[in-house]
């Protein structure tokens, strides 16, 4: 990649939590950051401001990652502005927790559509431009529960386990084109998504973490930046656990 060309980074679910921290971690004057959001526009504008405070720039667009057409339009807009996509961080995700015996089919479908199909849609769409430029870094955000499972999260755990299998398959397909594909599996990270947990549930979760504390979105963002760097150019098809030892 020429030093004269600005790097283009795309982060899904970039308006809050881990995604917003990933955007900020990538921010520098030579990087153009784009992210999607599906909730409040105000959160997206706050994320743009959050990134700009570091001297970088980010643009948020309202896109449903489970929609093939919306994803195609999203990346068409980005390519029209920059001509390239160097890094994709598939971070968008939702939860619809509940015990399997009471889980509604819609709760299963909604989680799969966003968490797993969204990764498929976005990765498939960036594959052609990355293959053409013979360079790319794809980082998929999975979860520790995709490996360990978790009661009350059959849908979420299945979607995150699916991301791991998807990561390994696509890594094998794209390695010869200088495109790496890796996954980050966060443990318990303090975000809006986890803040809805009860105090009792939080205490039970922390008791399982050898490091004795919850993670921060920045802990995950730092690993994403590393996997997108030239220092990680020979790493592909891997799952990096960022869980304070919760899974070893």
C-alpha atoms as a PDB file:
ATOM      1  CA  UNK A   1       0.000   0.000   0.000  1.00  0.00           C
ATOM      2  CA  UNK A   2       1.458   3.333  -1.048  1.00  0.00           C
ATOM      3  CA  UNK A   3       2.279   5.853   1.633  1.00  0.00           C
ATOM      4  CA  UNK A   4       0.583   8.461  -0.546  1.00  0.00           C
ATOM      5  CA  UNK A   5      -2.818   6.765  -0.297  1.00  0.00           C
ATOM      6  CA  UNK A   6      -5.011   7.274   2.744  1.00  0.00           C
ATOM      7  CA  UNK A   7      -6.085   4.094   4.480  1.00  0.00           C
ATOM      8  CA  UNK A   8      -9.819   3.390   4.532  1.00  0.00           C
ATOM      9  CA  UNK A   9     -11.232   1.642   7.599  1.00  0.00           C
ATOM     10  CA  UNK A  10     -14.842   0.459   7.898  1.00  0.00           C
ATOM     11  CA  UNK A  11     -16.340  -0.445  11.281  1.00  0.00           C
ATOM     12  CA  UNK A  12     -19.831  -1.854  11.643  1.00  0.00           C
ATOM     13  CA  UNK A  13     -21.772  -0.892  14.733  1.00  0.00           C
ATOM     14  CA  UNK A  14     -19.410   2.027  15.246  1.00  0.00           C
ATOM     15  CA  UNK A  15     -21.623   4.487  17.076  1.00  0.00           C
ATOM     16  CA  UNK A  16     -21.362   2.988  20.553  1.00  0.00           C
ATOM     17  CA  UNK A  17     -19.387   0.667  22.818  1.00  0.00           C
ATOM     18  CA  UNK A  18     -16.604  -1.404  21.324  1.00  0.00           C
ATOM     19  CA  UNK A  19     -17.255  -0.121  17.799  1.00  0.00           C
ATOM     20  CA  UNK A  20     -16.865   3.503  18.794  1.00  0.00           C
ATOM     21  CA  UNK A  21     -13.613   2.738  20.605  1.00  0.00           C
ATOM     22  CA  UNK A  22     -12.350   0.849  17.535  1.00  0.00           C
ATOM     23  CA  UNK A  23     -13.062   3.906  15.366  1.00  0.00           C
ATOM     24  CA  UNK A  24     -11.157   6.131  17.752  1.00  0.00           C
ATOM     25  CA  UNK A  25      -8.239   3.694  18.028  1.00  0.00           C
ATOM     26  CA  UNK A  26      -7.791   3.739  14.240  1.00  0.00           C
ATOM     27  CA  UNK A  27      -8.019   7.522  14.002  1.00  0.00           C
ATOM     28  CA  UNK A  28      -5.119   9.414  12.495  1.00  0.00           C
ATOM     29  CA  UNK A  29      -4.783  12.059   9.749  1.00  0.00           C
ATOM     30  CA  UNK A  30      -3.927   9.407   7.142  1.00  0.00           C
ATOM     31  CA  UNK A  31      -6.963   7.227   7.810  1.00  0.00           C
ATOM     32  CA  UNK A  32     -10.536   7.667   6.603  1.00  0.00           C
ATOM     33  CA  UNK A  33     -13.022   5.926   8.884  1.00  0.00           C
ATOM     34  CA  UNK A  34     -16.576   4.970   7.998  1.00  0.00           C
ATOM     35  CA  UNK A  35     -19.050   3.232  10.262  1.00  0.00           C
ATOM     36  CA  UNK A  36     -22.663   2.203  10.179  1.00  0.00           C
ATOM     37  CA  UNK A  37     -25.285   2.642  12.860  1.00  0.00           C
ATOM     38  CA  UNK A  38     -28.851   1.420  13.158  1.00  0.00           C
ATOM     39  CA  UNK A  39     -30.096   3.187  16.267  1.00  0.00           C
ATOM     40  CA  UNK A  40     -30.136   6.867  17.219  1.00  0.00           C
ATOM     41  CA  UNK A  41     -28.485   9.296  14.823  1.00  0.00           C
ATOM     42  CA  UNK A  42     -27.388  11.336  17.832  1.00  0.00           C
ATOM     43  CA  UNK A  43     -25.097   8.465  18.883  1.00  0.00           C
ATOM     44  CA  UNK A  44     -23.498   8.483  15.445  1.00  0.00           C
ATOM     45  CA  UNK A  45     -22.830  12.204  15.564  1.00  0.00           C
ATOM     46  CA  UNK A  46     -21.314  11.811  19.042  1.00  0.00           C
ATOM     47  CA  UNK A  47     -19.067   9.047  17.714  1.00  0.00           C
ATOM     48  CA  UNK A  48     -17.914  11.271  14.848  1.00  0.00           C
ATOM     49  CA  UNK A  49     -17.038  13.985  17.365  1.00  0.00           C
ATOM     50  CA  UNK A  50     -15.308  11.434  19.609  1.00  0.00           C
ATOM     51  CA  UNK A  51     -13.032  10.425  16.725  1.00  0.00           C
ATOM     52  CA  UNK A  52     -12.382  14.002  15.606  1.00  0.00           C
ATOM     53  CA  UNK A  53     -11.049  14.841  19.084  1.00  0.00           C
ATOM     54  CA  UNK A  54      -8.018  12.688  18.257  1.00  0.00           C
ATOM     55  CA  UNK A  55      -7.346  14.491  14.975  1.00  0.00           C
ATOM     56  CA  UNK A  56      -8.993  11.804  12.884  1.00  0.00           C
ATOM     57  CA  UNK A  57     -12.204  11.812  10.884  1.00  0.00           C
ATOM     58  CA  UNK A  58     -15.154   9.424  10.771  1.00  0.00           C
ATOM     59  CA  UNK A  59     -18.445   9.353   8.922  1.00  0.00           C
ATOM     60  CA  UNK A  60     -21.458   7.392  10.125  1.00  0.00           C
ATOM     61  CA  UNK A  61     -24.208   6.132   7.827  1.00  0.00           C
ATOM     62  CA  UNK A  62     -27.501   4.507   8.816  1.00  0.00           C
ATOM     63  CA  UNK A  63     -27.298   0.970   7.430  1.00  0.00           C
ATOM     64  CA  UNK A  64     -28.919  -2.332   8.377  1.00  0.00           C
ATOM     65  CA  UNK A  65     -26.112  -4.876   8.026  1.00  0.00           C
ATOM     66  CA  UNK A  66     -28.599  -7.730   7.674  1.00  0.00           C
ATOM     67  CA  UNK A  67     -29.851  -6.186   4.414  1.00  0.00           C
ATOM     68  CA  UNK A  68     -27.806  -7.210   1.374  1.00  0.00           C
ATOM     69  CA  UNK A  69     -29.013  -4.176  -0.588  1.00  0.00           C
ATOM     70  CA  UNK A  70     -28.236  -1.666   2.176  1.00  0.00           C
ATOM     71  CA  UNK A  71     -24.787  -3.142   2.687  1.00  0.00           C
ATOM     72  CA  UNK A  72     -24.104  -2.972  -1.060  1.00  0.00           C
ATOM     73  CA  UNK A  73     -25.112   0.695  -1.060  1.00  0.00           C
ATOM     74  CA  UNK A  74     -22.989   1.397   2.013  1.00  0.00           C
ATOM     75  CA  UNK A  75     -19.803   0.066   0.458  1.00  0.00           C
ATOM     76  CA  UNK A  76     -20.595   1.579  -2.936  1.00  0.00           C
ATOM     77  CA  UNK A  77     -20.724   4.989  -1.239  1.00  0.00           C
ATOM     78  CA  UNK A  78     -17.413   4.370   0.528  1.00  0.00           C
ATOM     79  CA  UNK A  79     -15.653   3.139  -2.599  1.00  0.00           C
ATOM     80  CA  UNK A  80     -17.033   6.109  -4.506  1.00  0.00           C
ATOM     81  CA  UNK A  81     -15.376   8.462  -2.013  1.00  0.00           C
ATOM     82  CA  UNK A  82     -12.098   6.662  -1.385  1.00  0.00           C
ATOM     83  CA  UNK A  83     -11.588   4.098  -4.141  1.00  0.00           C
ATOM     84  CA  UNK A  84     -10.422   1.441  -1.690  1.00  0.00           C
ATOM     85  CA  UNK A  85     -11.176  -0.432   1.536  1.00  0.00           C
ATOM     86  CA  UNK A  86      -8.185  -1.554   3.564  1.00  0.00           C
ATOM     87  CA  UNK A  87      -9.700  -2.679   6.850  1.00  0.00           C
ATOM     88  CA  UNK A  88     -13.116  -4.057   7.764  1.00  0.00           C
ATOM     89  CA  UNK A  89     -14.059  -4.573  11.408  1.00  0.00           C
ATOM     90  CA  UNK A  90     -17.300  -6.549  11.689  1.00  0.00           C
ATOM     91  CA  UNK A  91     -18.509  -5.457  15.101  1.00  0.00           C
ATOM     92  CA  UNK A  92     -22.279  -4.912  14.781  1.00  0.00           C
ATOM     93  CA  UNK A  93     -24.221  -7.137  17.147  1.00  0.00           C
ATOM     94  CA  UNK A  94     -27.371  -7.389  19.228  1.00  0.00           C
ATOM     95  CA  UNK A  95     -28.671  -9.582  22.042  1.00  0.00           C
ATOM     96  CA  UNK A  96     -32.132 -11.020  22.626  1.00  0.00           C
ATOM     97  CA  UNK A  97     -31.443 -13.093  25.723  1.00  0.00           C
ATOM     98  CA  UNK A  98     -33.742 -15.729  27.125  1.00  0.00           C
ATOM     99  CA  UNK A  99     -33.834 -19.397  28.051  1.00  0.00           C
ATOM    100  CA  UNK A 100     -34.234 -21.644  25.023  1.00  0.00           C
ATOM    101  CA  UNK A 101     -37.525 -23.100  26.232  1.00  0.00           C
ATOM    102  CA  UNK A 102     -39.053 -19.604  26.138  1.00  0.00           C
ATOM    103  CA  UNK A 103     -37.102 -18.111  23.251  1.00  0.00           C
ATOM    104  CA  UNK A 104     -39.233 -16.763  20.432  1.00  0.00           C
ATOM    105  CA  UNK A 105     -38.262 -17.634  16.877  1.00  0.00           C
ATOM    106  CA  UNK A 106     -38.034 -13.909  16.114  1.00  0.00           C
ATOM    107  CA  UNK A 107     -35.454 -13.440  18.880  1.00  0.00           C
ATOM    108  CA  UNK A 108     -33.371 -16.210  17.310  1.00  0.00           C
ATOM    109  CA  UNK A 109     -33.763 -14.820  13.793  1.00  0.00           C
ATOM    110  CA  UNK A 110     -33.029 -11.197  14.735  1.00  0.00           C
ATOM    111  CA  UNK A 111     -29.741 -12.124  16.430  1.00  0.00           C
ATOM    112  CA  UNK A 112     -28.644 -14.365  13.567  1.00  0.00           C
ATOM    113  CA  UNK A 113     -29.577 -11.785  10.942  1.00  0.00           C
ATOM    114  CA  UNK A 114     -27.532  -9.017  12.545  1.00  0.00           C
ATOM    115  CA  UNK A 115     -24.665 -10.893  14.186  1.00  0.00           C
ATOM    116  CA  UNK A 116     -23.912 -13.576  11.599  1.00  0.00           C
ATOM    117  CA  UNK A 117     -25.589 -12.643   8.335  1.00  0.00           C
ATOM    118  CA  UNK A 118     -24.308  -9.096   8.801  1.00  0.00           C
ATOM    119  CA  UNK A 119     -20.740 -10.422   8.904  1.00  0.00           C
ATOM    120  CA  UNK A 120     -21.425 -12.474   5.772  1.00  0.00           C
ATOM    121  CA  UNK A 121     -22.934  -9.511   3.892  1.00  0.00           C
ATOM    122  CA  UNK A 122     -20.141  -7.076   4.729  1.00  0.00           C
ATOM    123  CA  UNK A 123     -17.267  -9.522   4.232  1.00  0.00           C
ATOM    124  CA  UNK A 124     -18.581 -10.774   0.911  1.00  0.00           C
ATOM    125  CA  UNK A 125     -19.006  -7.204  -0.318  1.00  0.00           C
ATOM    126  CA  UNK A 126     -15.451  -6.093   0.540  1.00  0.00           C
ATOM    127  CA  UNK A 127     -13.830  -9.237  -0.821  1.00  0.00           C
ATOM    128  CA  UNK A 128     -13.792  -8.127  -4.472  1.00  0.00           C
ATOM    129  CA  UNK A 129     -12.183  -4.695  -3.922  1.00  0.00           C
ATOM    130  CA  UNK A 130      -9.667  -6.188  -1.491  1.00  0.00           C
ATOM    131  CA  UNK A 131      -8.778  -8.959  -3.938  1.00  0.00           C
ATOM    132  CA  UNK A 132      -8.363  -6.391  -6.701  1.00  0.00           C
ATOM    133  CA  UNK A 133      -5.962  -4.291  -4.619  1.00  0.00           C
ATOM    134  CA  UNK A 134      -4.336  -7.487  -3.265  1.00  0.00           C
ATOM    135  CA  UNK A 135      -4.487  -6.189   0.261  1.00  0.00           C
ATOM    136  CA  UNK A 136      -6.978  -6.354   3.105  1.00  0.00           C
ATOM    137  CA  UNK A 137      -7.461  -6.851   6.807  1.00  0.00           C
ATOM    138  CA  UNK A 138     -10.745  -8.261   8.097  1.00  0.00           C
ATOM    139  CA  UNK A 139     -11.377  -8.457  11.840  1.00  0.00           C
ATOM    140  CA  UNK A 140     -14.559 -10.108  13.116  1.00  0.00           C
ATOM    141  CA  UNK A 141     -15.785  -9.496  16.658  1.00  0.00           C
ATOM    142  CA  UNK A 142     -16.929 -12.785  18.163  1.00  0.00           C
ATOM    143  CA  UNK A 143     -17.305 -13.458  21.896  1.00  0.00           C
ATOM    144  CA  UNK A 144     -16.022 -15.758  24.604  1.00  0.00           C
ATOM    145  CA  UNK A 145     -19.528 -17.253  24.767  1.00  0.00           C
ATOM    146  CA  UNK A 146     -19.097 -18.384  21.167  1.00  0.00           C
ATOM    147  CA  UNK A 147     -16.575 -20.859  22.585  1.00  0.00           C
ATOM    148  CA  UNK A 148     -17.884 -21.552  26.097  1.00  0.00           C
ATOM    149  CA  UNK A 149     -21.624 -21.092  25.652  1.00  0.00           C
ATOM    150  CA  UNK A 150     -23.761 -19.254  28.205  1.00  0.00           C
ATOM    151  CA  UNK A 151     -27.164 -20.106  29.674  1.00  0.00           C
ATOM    152  CA  UNK A 152     -29.859 -17.782  28.370  1.00  0.00           C
ATOM    153  CA  UNK A 153     -27.864 -16.873  25.268  1.00  0.00           C
ATOM    154  CA  UNK A 154     -28.318 -19.808  22.888  1.00  0.00           C
ATOM    155  CA  UNK A 155     -28.965 -17.440  19.985  1.00  0.00           C
ATOM    156  CA  UNK A 156     -26.095 -15.068  20.772  1.00  0.00           C
ATOM    157  CA  UNK A 157     -23.615 -17.882  21.498  1.00  0.00           C
ATOM    158  CA  UNK A 158     -24.556 -19.670  18.272  1.00  0.00           C
ATOM    159  CA  UNK A 159     -24.114 -16.501  16.231  1.00  0.00           C
ATOM    160  CA  UNK A 160     -20.698 -15.813  17.753  1.00  0.00           C
ATOM    161  CA  UNK A 161     -19.587 -19.425  17.297  1.00  0.00           C
ATOM    162  CA  UNK A 162     -20.668 -19.124  13.679  1.00  0.00           C
ATOM    163  CA  UNK A 163     -18.418 -16.099  13.272  1.00  0.00           C
ATOM    164  CA  UNK A 164     -15.421 -18.170  14.375  1.00  0.00           C
ATOM    165  CA  UNK A 165     -16.080 -20.870  11.789  1.00  0.00           C
ATOM    166  CA  UNK A 166     -16.730 -18.243   9.135  1.00  0.00           C
ATOM    167  CA  UNK A 167     -13.467 -16.477   9.999  1.00  0.00           C
ATOM    168  CA  UNK A 168     -11.386 -19.621   9.565  1.00  0.00           C
ATOM    169  CA  UNK A 169     -13.025 -20.601   6.269  1.00  0.00           C
ATOM    170  CA  UNK A 170     -12.672 -17.152   4.704  1.00  0.00           C
ATOM    171  CA  UNK A 171      -9.098 -16.796   5.975  1.00  0.00           C
ATOM    172  CA  UNK A 172      -8.175 -19.938   4.037  1.00  0.00           C
ATOM    173  CA  UNK A 173      -9.903 -18.652   0.906  1.00  0.00           C
ATOM    174  CA  UNK A 174      -8.277 -15.220   0.880  1.00  0.00           C
ATOM    175  CA  UNK A 175      -4.765 -15.837   2.244  1.00  0.00           C
ATOM    176  CA  UNK A 176      -3.167 -16.060  -1.196  1.00  0.00           C
ATOM    177  CA  UNK A 177      -4.434 -12.543  -1.999  1.00  0.00           C
ATOM    178  CA  UNK A 178      -2.645 -10.922   0.957  1.00  0.00           C
ATOM    179  CA  UNK A 179      -5.915 -10.594   2.869  1.00  0.00           C
ATOM    180  CA  UNK A 180      -5.924 -11.692   6.494  1.00  0.00           C
ATOM    181  CA  UNK A 181      -9.081 -12.627   8.378  1.00  0.00           C
ATOM    182  CA  UNK A 182      -9.043 -12.930  12.156  1.00  0.00           C
ATOM    183  CA  UNK A 183     -11.475 -12.803  15.050  1.00  0.00           C
ATOM    184  CA  UNK A 184     -11.409 -11.074  18.414  1.00  0.00           C
ATOM    185  CA  UNK A 185     -13.380 -12.750  21.195  1.00  0.00           C
ATOM    186  CA  UNK A 186     -14.096 -10.310  24.035  1.00  0.00           C
ATOM    187  CA  UNK A 187     -15.090 -11.536  27.453  1.00  0.00           C
ATOM    188  CA  UNK A 188     -17.132  -9.362  29.790  1.00  0.00           C
ATOM    189  CA  UNK A 189     -16.657  -5.797  28.534  1.00  0.00           C
ATOM    190  CA  UNK A 190     -18.391  -2.777  30.041  1.00  0.00           C
ATOM    191  CA  UNK A 191     -20.691  -1.445  27.296  1.00  0.00           C
ATOM    192  CA  UNK A 192     -24.305  -0.350  26.899  1.00  0.00           C
ATOM    193  CA  UNK A 193     -25.136  -3.945  25.959  1.00  0.00           C
ATOM    194  CA  UNK A 194     -23.751  -5.398  29.188  1.00  0.00           C
ATOM    195  CA  UNK A 195     -24.928  -2.544  31.426  1.00  0.00           C
ATOM    196  CA  UNK A 196     -28.454  -3.997  31.373  1.00  0.00           C
ATOM    197  CA  UNK A 197     -27.262  -7.043  33.333  1.00  0.00           C
ATOM    198  CA  UNK A 198     -28.326  -7.268  36.978  1.00  0.00           C
ATOM    199  CA  UNK A 199     -25.760  -6.625  39.714  1.00  0.00           C
ATOM    200  CA  UNK A 200     -25.987 -10.287  40.697  1.00  0.00           C
ATOM    201  CA  UNK A 201     -25.258 -11.397  37.136  1.00  0.00           C
ATOM    202  CA  UNK A 202     -22.323  -8.983  36.908  1.00  0.00           C
ATOM    203  CA  UNK A 203     -20.840 -10.250  40.162  1.00  0.00           C
ATOM    204  CA  UNK A 204     -21.169 -13.842  38.966  1.00  0.00           C
ATOM    205  CA  UNK A 205     -19.438 -12.944  35.704  1.00  0.00           C
ATOM    206  CA  UNK A 206     -16.541 -11.114  37.398  1.00  0.00           C
ATOM    207  CA  UNK A 207     -15.988 -14.087  39.714  1.00  0.00           C
ATOM    208  CA  UNK A 208     -15.089 -16.144  36.604  1.00  0.00           C
ATOM    209  CA  UNK A 209     -12.397 -13.691  35.447  1.00  0.00           C
ATOM    210  CA  UNK A 210      -8.890 -14.490  36.751  1.00  0.00           C
ATOM    211  CA  UNK A 211      -7.811 -10.867  36.346  1.00  0.00           C
ATOM    212  CA  UNK A 212     -10.702  -9.866  38.614  1.00  0.00           C
ATOM    213  CA  UNK A 213     -12.042  -7.005  36.541  1.00  0.00           C
ATOM    214  CA  UNK A 214     -14.202  -6.329  33.537  1.00  0.00           C
ATOM    215  CA  UNK A 215     -12.623  -5.328  30.268  1.00  0.00           C
ATOM    216  CA  UNK A 216     -12.942  -1.983  28.552  1.00  0.00           C
ATOM    217  CA  UNK A 217     -13.865  -1.300  24.916  1.00  0.00           C
ATOM    218  CA  UNK A 218     -10.327   0.047  24.509  1.00  0.00           C
ATOM    219  CA  UNK A 219      -8.900  -3.371  25.454  1.00  0.00           C
ATOM    220  CA  UNK A 220     -10.661  -4.859  22.432  1.00  0.00           C
ATOM    221  CA  UNK A 221      -9.941  -1.916  20.127  1.00  0.00           C
ATOM    222  CA  UNK A 222      -6.205  -2.234  20.700  1.00  0.00           C
ATOM    223  CA  UNK A 223      -6.222  -5.829  19.489  1.00  0.00           C
ATOM    224  CA  UNK A 224      -8.217  -4.875  16.385  1.00  0.00           C
ATOM    225  CA  UNK A 225      -5.651  -2.201  15.519  1.00  0.00           C
ATOM    226  CA  UNK A 226      -2.836  -4.698  15.988  1.00  0.00           C
ATOM    227  CA  UNK A 227      -4.481  -7.279  13.724  1.00  0.00           C
ATOM    228  CA  UNK A 228      -4.862  -4.624  11.038  1.00  0.00           C
ATOM    229  CA  UNK A 229      -1.205  -3.590  11.292  1.00  0.00           C
ATOM    230  CA  UNK A 230       1.784  -4.813   9.338  1.00  0.00           C
ATOM    231  CA  UNK A 231       3.069  -6.378  12.562  1.00  0.00           C
ATOM    232  CA  UNK A 232       0.249  -8.925  12.176  1.00  0.00           C
ATOM    233  CA  UNK A 233       0.723  -9.510   8.442  1.00  0.00           C
ATOM    234  CA  UNK A 234       1.512 -13.215   8.961  1.00  0.00           C
ATOM    235  CA  UNK A 235      -1.441 -13.897  11.291  1.00  0.00           C
ATOM    236  CA  UNK A 236      -4.661 -15.201   9.775  1.00  0.00           C
ATOM    237  CA  UNK A 237      -7.514 -17.513  10.735  1.00  0.00           C
ATOM    238  CA  UNK A 238      -6.936 -16.914  14.438  1.00  0.00           C
ATOM    239  CA  UNK A 239      -9.203 -16.119  17.377  1.00  0.00           C
ATOM    240  CA  UNK A 240      -7.663 -13.731  19.902  1.00  0.00           C
ATOM    241  CA  UNK A 241      -9.393 -13.895  23.281  1.00  0.00           C
ATOM    242  CA  UNK A 242      -9.589 -10.616  25.170  1.00  0.00           C
ATOM    243  CA  UNK A 243     -11.208 -11.864  28.338  1.00  0.00           C
ATOM    244  CA  UNK A 244      -8.848 -11.352  31.260  1.00  0.00           C
ATOM    245  CA  UNK A 245      -8.226 -15.100  31.359  1.00  0.00           C
ATOM    246  CA  UNK A 246     -11.926 -15.992  31.402  1.00  0.00           C
ATOM    247  CA  UNK A 247     -11.124 -18.477  28.640  1.00  0.00           C
ATOM    248  CA  UNK A 248      -7.693 -20.063  28.271  1.00  0.00           C
END
